[in-house]
């Protein structure tokens, strides 16, 4: 009987630690339960959220400094959601500028 209670308690605790955290509704303490989000990152998220709710992961990546596709993917796999959605890398446009063409190659040869 005791073993069953302990197993049930451990299972409940493990399940609760994997529960989704909604970015637009979470408190600072709730955000910090997501692996990789500490006090600094949670403050950045909350400060930016004051300007309006996040529409999707692309909105988060573009508005919160320090959250790129890599971090967004990690946060999502650890239970963070935006409007109930998990991160999908193909939906986030890269903010990296296109590589510049080499001027020597672009010049016509004489």
N, C-alpha and C. Protein backbone atom coordinates (compact mmCIF):
# COMPACT_ATOMS: atom_id res chain seq x y z
N UNK A 1 0.82 -1.19 0.00
CA UNK A 1 0.00 0.00 0.00
C UNK A 1 0.87 1.26 0.00
N UNK A 2 1.88 1.28 0.84
CA UNK A 2 2.78 2.44 0.93
C UNK A 2 3.51 2.60 -0.41
N UNK A 3 3.96 1.48 -0.99
CA UNK A 3 4.67 1.56 -2.27
C UNK A 3 3.77 2.15 -3.35
N UNK A 4 2.52 1.78 -3.35
CA UNK A 4 1.58 2.30 -4.34
C UNK A 4 1.40 3.80 -4.17
N UNK A 5 1.28 4.25 -2.93
CA UNK A 5 1.13 5.68 -2.66
C UNK A 5 2.37 6.46 -3.10
N UNK A 6 3.53 5.93 -2.81
CA UNK A 6 4.77 6.59 -3.18
C UNK A 6 4.89 6.65 -4.71
N UNK A 7 4.58 5.54 -5.38
CA UNK A 7 4.63 5.52 -6.84
C UNK A 7 3.66 6.52 -7.44
N UNK A 8 2.47 6.60 -6.88
CA UNK A 8 1.47 7.54 -7.36
C UNK A 8 1.94 8.98 -7.16
N UNK A 9 2.51 9.25 -6.01
CA UNK A 9 3.03 10.59 -5.71
C UNK A 9 4.15 10.96 -6.68
N UNK A 10 5.07 10.05 -6.93
CA UNK A 10 6.17 10.31 -7.86
C UNK A 10 5.65 10.52 -9.29
N UNK A 11 4.69 9.73 -9.70
CA UNK A 11 4.13 9.87 -11.04
C UNK A 11 3.43 11.21 -11.20
N UNK A 12 2.69 11.62 -10.18
CA UNK A 12 2.00 12.91 -10.21
C UNK A 12 2.99 14.05 -10.28
N UNK A 13 4.06 13.97 -9.52
CA UNK A 13 5.09 15.01 -9.52
C UNK A 13 5.78 15.08 -10.88
N UNK A 14 6.09 13.93 -11.46
CA UNK A 14 6.75 13.90 -12.76
C UNK A 14 5.83 14.49 -13.83
N UNK A 15 4.55 14.17 -13.77
CA UNK A 15 3.60 14.70 -14.74
C UNK A 15 3.46 16.21 -14.60
N UNK A 16 3.40 16.69 -13.37
CA UNK A 16 3.25 18.13 -13.12
C UNK A 16 4.46 18.91 -13.62
N UNK A 17 5.64 18.31 -13.54
CA UNK A 17 6.84 19.02 -14.00
C UNK A 17 6.87 19.12 -15.52
N UNK A 18 6.13 18.27 -16.23
CA UNK A 18 6.08 18.30 -17.69
C UNK A 18 4.87 19.08 -18.22
N UNK A 19 4.09 19.68 -17.34
CA UNK A 19 2.90 20.41 -17.75
C UNK A 19 3.30 21.62 -18.59
N UNK A 20 2.47 21.94 -19.56
CA UNK A 20 2.75 23.06 -20.45
C UNK A 20 2.66 24.39 -19.70
N UNK A 21 3.52 25.31 -20.08
CA UNK A 21 3.52 26.66 -19.54
C UNK A 21 3.18 27.58 -20.70
N UNK A 22 2.08 28.30 -20.59
CA UNK A 22 1.63 29.22 -21.65
C UNK A 22 2.34 30.56 -21.50
N UNK A 23 3.09 30.93 -22.52
CA UNK A 23 3.91 32.14 -22.48
C UNK A 23 3.09 33.40 -22.22
N UNK A 24 1.91 33.50 -22.77
CA UNK A 24 1.10 34.71 -22.63
C UNK A 24 0.38 34.80 -21.29
N UNK A 25 0.38 33.74 -20.49
CA UNK A 25 -0.34 33.76 -19.22
C UNK A 25 0.54 33.49 -18.01
N UNK A 26 1.73 32.99 -18.22
CA UNK A 26 2.59 32.54 -17.12
C UNK A 26 3.16 33.70 -16.32
N UNK A 27 3.28 33.46 -15.02
CA UNK A 27 3.94 34.41 -14.13
C UNK A 27 5.45 34.22 -14.28
N UNK A 28 6.21 35.09 -13.64
CA UNK A 28 7.66 34.97 -13.70
C UNK A 28 8.10 33.63 -13.11
N UNK A 29 7.52 33.25 -12.00
CA UNK A 29 7.88 31.97 -11.36
C UNK A 29 7.55 30.79 -12.27
N UNK A 30 6.42 30.84 -12.95
CA UNK A 30 6.04 29.75 -13.86
C UNK A 30 6.99 29.69 -15.06
N UNK A 31 7.37 30.84 -15.60
CA UNK A 31 8.31 30.86 -16.71
C UNK A 31 9.64 30.25 -16.30
N UNK A 32 10.07 30.52 -15.09
CA UNK A 32 11.36 30.02 -14.62
C UNK A 32 11.37 28.53 -14.34
N UNK A 33 10.21 27.88 -14.39
CA UNK A 33 10.18 26.41 -14.26
C UNK A 33 10.60 25.74 -15.57
N UNK A 34 10.63 26.50 -16.66
CA UNK A 34 11.06 25.96 -17.95
C UNK A 34 12.59 25.98 -17.98
N UNK A 35 13.17 24.83 -18.31
CA UNK A 35 14.63 24.71 -18.34
C UNK A 35 15.20 25.73 -19.32
N UNK A 36 16.18 26.51 -18.88
CA UNK A 36 16.82 27.50 -19.73
C UNK A 36 16.29 28.91 -19.55
N UNK A 37 15.15 29.05 -18.86
CA UNK A 37 14.61 30.38 -18.60
C UNK A 37 14.90 30.72 -17.14
N UNK A 38 15.75 31.71 -16.96
CA UNK A 38 16.08 32.18 -15.62
C UNK A 38 15.46 33.53 -15.38
N UNK A 39 15.87 34.19 -14.29
CA UNK A 39 15.30 35.49 -13.95
C UNK A 39 15.48 36.55 -15.05
N UNK A 40 16.62 36.57 -15.70
CA UNK A 40 16.88 37.57 -16.74
C UNK A 40 15.97 37.36 -17.95
N UNK A 41 15.89 36.12 -18.43
CA UNK A 41 15.07 35.83 -19.61
C UNK A 41 13.59 36.01 -19.30
N UNK A 42 13.15 35.59 -18.12
CA UNK A 42 11.73 35.75 -17.79
C UNK A 42 11.36 37.23 -17.69
N UNK A 43 12.29 38.05 -17.20
CA UNK A 43 12.04 39.49 -17.13
C UNK A 43 11.92 40.09 -18.53
N UNK A 44 12.78 39.67 -19.45
CA UNK A 44 12.71 40.15 -20.83
C UNK A 44 11.36 39.77 -21.46
N UNK A 45 10.93 38.54 -21.21
CA UNK A 45 9.67 38.07 -21.77
C UNK A 45 8.50 38.88 -21.21
N UNK A 46 8.48 39.05 -19.90
CA UNK A 46 7.38 39.79 -19.26
C UNK A 46 7.37 41.25 -19.68
N UNK A 47 8.56 41.86 -19.80
CA UNK A 47 8.62 43.26 -20.23
C UNK A 47 8.07 43.42 -21.64
N UNK A 48 8.42 42.49 -22.52
CA UNK A 48 7.93 42.57 -23.90
C UNK A 48 6.44 42.23 -23.98
N UNK A 49 5.99 41.37 -23.10
CA UNK A 49 4.56 41.00 -23.09
C UNK A 49 3.68 42.19 -22.69
N UNK A 50 4.25 43.16 -21.95
CA UNK A 50 3.50 44.36 -21.59
C UNK A 50 3.11 45.16 -22.84
N UNK A 51 3.87 45.00 -23.93
CA UNK A 51 3.58 45.68 -25.19
C UNK A 51 2.50 44.97 -26.00
N UNK A 52 2.03 43.85 -25.50
CA UNK A 52 0.99 43.09 -26.20
C UNK A 52 1.30 41.61 -26.15
N UNK A 53 0.26 40.81 -26.21
CA UNK A 53 0.42 39.36 -26.18
C UNK A 53 1.19 38.90 -27.42
N UNK A 54 1.91 37.81 -27.27
CA UNK A 54 2.63 37.23 -28.40
C UNK A 54 1.65 36.48 -29.28
N UNK A 55 1.75 36.68 -30.59
CA UNK A 55 0.83 36.04 -31.54
C UNK A 55 1.23 34.59 -31.79
N UNK A 56 2.54 34.36 -31.94
CA UNK A 56 3.04 33.04 -32.24
C UNK A 56 4.53 33.00 -31.91
N UNK A 57 5.17 31.88 -32.20
CA UNK A 57 6.60 31.75 -31.89
C UNK A 57 7.44 32.73 -32.70
N UNK A 58 7.05 33.00 -33.92
CA UNK A 58 7.79 33.95 -34.74
C UNK A 58 7.80 35.33 -34.08
N UNK A 59 6.68 35.70 -33.49
CA UNK A 59 6.56 36.96 -32.78
C UNK A 59 7.50 36.99 -31.57
N UNK A 60 7.59 35.89 -30.86
CA UNK A 60 8.48 35.80 -29.70
C UNK A 60 9.93 35.96 -30.14
N UNK A 61 10.32 35.22 -31.18
CA UNK A 61 11.71 35.27 -31.68
C UNK A 61 12.08 36.68 -32.13
N UNK A 62 11.15 37.38 -32.76
CA UNK A 62 11.46 38.72 -33.25
C UNK A 62 11.45 39.78 -32.15
N UNK A 63 10.67 39.58 -31.10
CA UNK A 63 10.54 40.62 -30.08
C UNK A 63 11.41 40.44 -28.84
N UNK A 64 11.77 39.23 -28.48
CA UNK A 64 12.52 39.00 -27.24
C UNK A 64 13.98 38.74 -27.56
N UNK A 65 14.84 39.67 -27.14
CA UNK A 65 16.26 39.54 -27.37
C UNK A 65 16.78 38.32 -26.60
N UNK A 66 17.52 37.48 -27.28
CA UNK A 66 18.05 36.29 -26.66
C UNK A 66 17.25 35.03 -26.96
N UNK A 67 16.10 35.20 -27.60
CA UNK A 67 15.32 34.03 -28.01
C UNK A 67 15.39 33.93 -29.52
N UNK A 68 16.16 32.97 -29.97
CA UNK A 68 16.25 32.67 -31.39
C UNK A 68 15.59 31.33 -31.64
N UNK A 69 15.66 30.84 -32.85
CA UNK A 69 15.04 29.55 -33.14
C UNK A 69 15.58 28.40 -32.28
N UNK A 70 16.86 28.44 -31.95
CA UNK A 70 17.44 27.38 -31.12
C UNK A 70 16.86 27.36 -29.72
N UNK A 71 16.84 28.54 -29.07
CA UNK A 71 16.27 28.62 -27.72
C UNK A 71 14.77 28.34 -27.75
N UNK A 72 14.09 28.85 -28.75
CA UNK A 72 12.65 28.62 -28.85
C UNK A 72 12.36 27.13 -28.93
N UNK A 73 13.15 26.41 -29.69
CA UNK A 73 12.98 24.97 -29.82
C UNK A 73 13.20 24.26 -28.49
N UNK A 74 14.24 24.67 -27.76
CA UNK A 74 14.53 24.08 -26.44
C UNK A 74 13.41 24.39 -25.45
N UNK A 75 12.97 25.64 -25.42
CA UNK A 75 11.91 26.03 -24.49
C UNK A 75 10.63 25.25 -24.79
N UNK A 76 10.31 25.11 -26.06
CA UNK A 76 9.11 24.40 -26.46
C UNK A 76 9.18 22.92 -26.07
N UNK A 77 10.35 22.31 -26.29
CA UNK A 77 10.48 20.89 -25.94
C UNK A 77 10.41 20.69 -24.43
N UNK A 78 10.67 21.74 -23.67
CA UNK A 78 10.55 21.65 -22.21
C UNK A 78 9.19 22.11 -21.70
N UNK A 79 8.23 22.33 -22.60
CA UNK A 79 6.86 22.57 -22.18
C UNK A 79 6.31 23.97 -22.40
N UNK A 80 7.08 24.89 -22.96
CA UNK A 80 6.59 26.25 -23.18
C UNK A 80 5.76 26.29 -24.46
N UNK A 81 4.61 26.94 -24.41
CA UNK A 81 3.76 27.09 -25.59
C UNK A 81 3.40 28.56 -25.78
N UNK A 82 3.06 28.90 -27.02
CA UNK A 82 2.56 30.24 -27.34
C UNK A 82 1.18 30.03 -27.96
N UNK A 83 0.16 30.50 -27.26
CA UNK A 83 -1.23 30.29 -27.68
C UNK A 83 -1.51 28.80 -27.92
N UNK A 84 -0.94 27.98 -27.05
CA UNK A 84 -1.17 26.54 -27.09
C UNK A 84 -0.35 25.79 -28.13
N UNK A 85 0.46 26.49 -28.90
CA UNK A 85 1.23 25.86 -29.98
C UNK A 85 2.68 25.62 -29.58
N UNK A 86 3.20 24.48 -30.02
CA UNK A 86 4.62 24.18 -29.85
C UNK A 86 5.40 24.90 -30.95
N UNK A 87 6.70 25.03 -30.73
CA UNK A 87 7.57 25.68 -31.71
C UNK A 87 7.74 24.79 -32.93
N UNK A 88 7.63 25.41 -34.12
CA UNK A 88 7.89 24.72 -35.39
C UNK A 88 8.88 25.58 -36.16
N UNK A 89 10.12 25.10 -36.30
CA UNK A 89 11.16 25.93 -36.92
C UNK A 89 10.82 26.42 -38.32
N UNK A 90 10.08 25.64 -39.09
CA UNK A 90 9.78 26.04 -40.45
C UNK A 90 8.85 27.24 -40.51
N UNK A 91 8.18 27.57 -39.40
CA UNK A 91 7.26 28.71 -39.39
C UNK A 91 7.94 30.01 -38.95
N UNK A 92 9.20 29.92 -38.54
CA UNK A 92 9.93 31.10 -38.08
C UNK A 92 10.94 31.50 -39.14
N UNK A 93 10.74 32.67 -39.71
CA UNK A 93 11.66 33.17 -40.73
C UNK A 93 12.97 33.55 -40.08
N UNK A 94 14.04 33.26 -40.74
CA UNK A 94 15.36 33.61 -40.21
C UNK A 94 15.55 35.12 -40.30
N UNK A 95 16.10 35.69 -39.24
CA UNK A 95 16.36 37.14 -39.21
C UNK A 95 17.77 37.46 -39.68
N UNK A 96 18.50 36.43 -40.14
CA UNK A 96 19.87 36.66 -40.57
C UNK A 96 19.86 37.32 -41.95
N UNK A 97 20.72 38.32 -42.14
CA UNK A 97 20.77 38.97 -43.45
C UNK A 97 21.37 38.01 -44.48
N UNK A 98 21.00 38.21 -45.72
CA UNK A 98 21.54 37.38 -46.80
C UNK A 98 23.02 37.67 -46.94
N UNK A 99 23.80 36.66 -47.31
CA UNK A 99 25.25 36.91 -47.46
C UNK A 99 25.50 37.89 -48.59
N UNK A 100 26.50 38.76 -48.38
CA UNK A 100 26.83 39.78 -49.39
C UNK A 100 27.66 39.15 -50.50
N UNK A 101 27.39 39.58 -51.69
CA UNK A 101 28.15 39.08 -52.84
C UNK A 101 29.54 39.69 -52.81
N UNK A 102 30.49 38.90 -53.19
CA UNK A 102 31.88 39.37 -53.25
C UNK A 102 32.01 40.36 -54.41
N UNK A 103 32.47 41.58 -54.13
CA UNK A 103 32.55 42.62 -55.15
C UNK A 103 33.51 42.25 -56.27
N UNK A 104 34.56 41.52 -55.96
CA UNK A 104 35.53 41.13 -56.98
C UNK A 104 34.87 40.21 -58.01
N UNK A 105 34.04 39.30 -57.56
CA UNK A 105 33.38 38.38 -58.46
C UNK A 105 32.28 39.07 -59.26
N UNK A 106 31.67 40.09 -58.70
CA UNK A 106 30.56 40.77 -59.35
C UNK A 106 31.04 41.73 -60.45
N UNK A 107 32.28 42.19 -60.37
CA UNK A 107 32.81 43.12 -61.37
C UNK A 107 33.05 42.42 -62.68
N UNK A 108 32.65 43.05 -63.80
CA UNK A 108 32.88 42.42 -65.11
C UNK A 108 34.38 42.36 -65.40
N UNK A 109 34.78 41.30 -66.04
CA UNK A 109 36.20 41.12 -66.39
C UNK A 109 36.49 41.86 -67.69
N UNK A 110 37.66 42.44 -67.80
CA UNK A 110 38.06 43.19 -69.00
C UNK A 110 38.90 42.34 -69.91
